Amino acid sequence: MTPVPQAIDYFASERILQIAWSPEHIGRYPTKYLRCACACAGCVDERSGIRTLDPQTIPEDIDITAIEPVGNYAIRITWSDGHNTGLYSWEHLAELCPCERCRP
């Protein structure tokens, strides 16, 4: 079963999206890491699954300008480069979690 975030906070000065999956499990996602992991049809070829987004085209100082919930399963992030078509499902975010528990 995919975990559901208990809290989502954005720390703009650090460019970190923080997700509390539980009190003992906190994921801190750098913005460039998240932007490069967008799985929308504009960033990943729908047929082949090959990533078409070149990470080198994403600025190091990419910022989140808005976060909105999508149902009870995802968030939509609007990025400072204007991109906002990707949905970040709880499952996708859990798979991407960069914490020590998930990425030893």
Protein backbone atom coordinates (compact mmCIF):
# COMPACT_ATOMS: atom_id res chain seq x y z
CA MET A 1 0.00 0.00 0.00
CA THR A 2 1.31 3.43 -0.96
CA PRO A 3 1.82 5.78 1.98
CA VAL A 4 -0.13 9.03 2.13
CA PRO A 5 1.71 12.18 3.22
CA GLN A 6 0.81 13.52 6.63
CA ALA A 7 2.25 16.95 5.78
CA ILE A 8 3.82 18.70 2.80
CA ASP A 9 5.89 21.86 3.31
CA TYR A 10 7.96 23.93 0.93
CA PHE A 11 11.09 25.70 2.17
CA ALA A 12 11.76 28.25 -0.58
CA SER A 13 15.03 29.53 0.90
CA GLU A 14 16.45 26.00 0.69
CA ARG A 15 14.51 24.97 -2.44
CA ILE A 16 13.34 21.85 -0.59
CA LEU A 17 9.92 20.19 -0.67
CA GLN A 18 9.52 18.28 2.59
CA ILE A 19 7.08 15.42 2.89
CA ALA A 20 6.28 13.82 6.23
CA TRP A 21 5.23 10.28 5.37
CA SER A 22 5.11 9.54 9.11
CA PRO A 23 6.69 11.15 12.17
CA GLU A 24 9.69 8.85 11.69
CA HIS A 25 9.88 9.17 7.90
CA ILE A 26 10.60 12.62 6.45
CA GLY A 27 11.63 13.05 2.83
CA ARG A 28 13.41 16.28 1.79
CA TYR A 29 13.26 16.65 -2.00
CA PRO A 30 15.50 19.22 -3.74
CA THR A 31 13.53 21.14 -6.36
CA LYS A 32 15.81 20.32 -9.31
CA TYR A 33 15.65 16.62 -8.40
CA LEU A 34 11.83 16.76 -8.41
CA ARG A 35 11.57 18.81 -11.60
CA CYS A 36 13.88 16.36 -13.41
CA ALA A 37 11.71 13.48 -12.19
CA CYS A 38 8.51 14.81 -13.77
CA ALA A 39 6.74 11.92 -15.47
CA CYS A 40 4.33 13.87 -17.69
CA ALA A 41 4.03 13.23 -21.44
CA GLY A 42 6.13 16.32 -22.13
CA CYS A 43 9.03 14.95 -20.08
CA VAL A 44 8.76 11.22 -20.80
CA ASP A 45 7.81 9.61 -24.12
CA GLU A 46 4.45 7.92 -23.56
CA ARG A 47 5.15 4.97 -25.85
CA SER A 48 8.75 4.14 -25.04
CA GLY A 49 8.95 5.43 -21.48
CA ILE A 50 12.22 7.16 -22.40
CA ARG A 51 12.87 10.45 -20.62
CA THR A 52 12.82 13.29 -23.14
CA LEU A 53 13.54 16.05 -20.63
CA ASP A 54 17.22 16.95 -20.62
CA PRO A 55 18.18 17.64 -16.98
CA GLN A 56 20.85 20.06 -18.22
CA THR A 57 18.05 22.37 -19.42
CA ILE A 58 16.68 22.73 -15.87
CA PRO A 59 18.25 25.65 -13.99
CA GLU A 60 19.90 24.89 -10.65
CA ASP A 61 17.71 27.54 -9.03
CA ILE A 62 14.39 26.11 -10.25
CA ASP A 63 11.68 27.09 -7.80
CA ILE A 64 8.18 25.97 -6.93
CA THR A 65 5.63 28.72 -7.46
CA ALA A 66 2.51 26.72 -6.54
CA ILE A 67 1.46 23.33 -5.19
CA GLU A 68 -2.10 22.09 -5.48
CA PRO A 69 -3.70 18.83 -4.41
CA VAL A 70 -5.13 16.54 -7.07
CA GLY A 71 -7.77 14.30 -5.55
CA ASN A 72 -6.48 12.18 -2.71
CA TYR A 73 -3.58 10.75 -4.68
CA ALA A 74 -1.23 13.46 -6.00
CA ILE A 75 -0.05 17.04 -6.17
CA ARG A 76 0.48 19.30 -9.18
CA ILE A 77 3.54 21.53 -8.95
CA THR A 78 3.90 24.74 -10.91
CA TRP A 79 7.57 25.44 -11.56
CA SER A 80 9.36 28.75 -12.07
CA ASP A 81 10.15 27.63 -15.65
CA GLY A 82 6.38 27.60 -16.36
CA HIS A 83 6.00 23.82 -16.40
CA ASN A 84 2.92 22.52 -14.58
CA THR A 85 1.54 19.53 -16.47
CA GLY A 86 3.06 16.78 -14.34
CA LEU A 87 1.25 15.10 -11.49
CA TYR A 88 3.33 13.76 -8.63
CA SER A 89 1.35 10.84 -7.22
CA TRP A 90 1.98 9.64 -3.69
CA GLU A 91 3.39 6.44 -5.20
CA HIS A 92 5.82 8.35 -7.46
CA LEU A 93 6.92 10.62 -4.61
CA ALA A 94 7.45 7.63 -2.31
CA GLU A 95 9.61 5.96 -4.99
CA LEU A 96 11.65 9.17 -5.34
CA CYS A 97 12.14 9.69 -1.60
CA PRO A 98 15.79 10.70 -1.07
CA CYS A 99 15.90 10.05 2.69
CA GLU A 100 18.47 7.75 4.28
CA ARG A 101 15.74 5.21 5.01
CA CYS A 102 14.83 4.93 1.32
CA ARG A 103 18.27 5.54 -0.22
CA PRO A 104 20.85 4.04 2.13
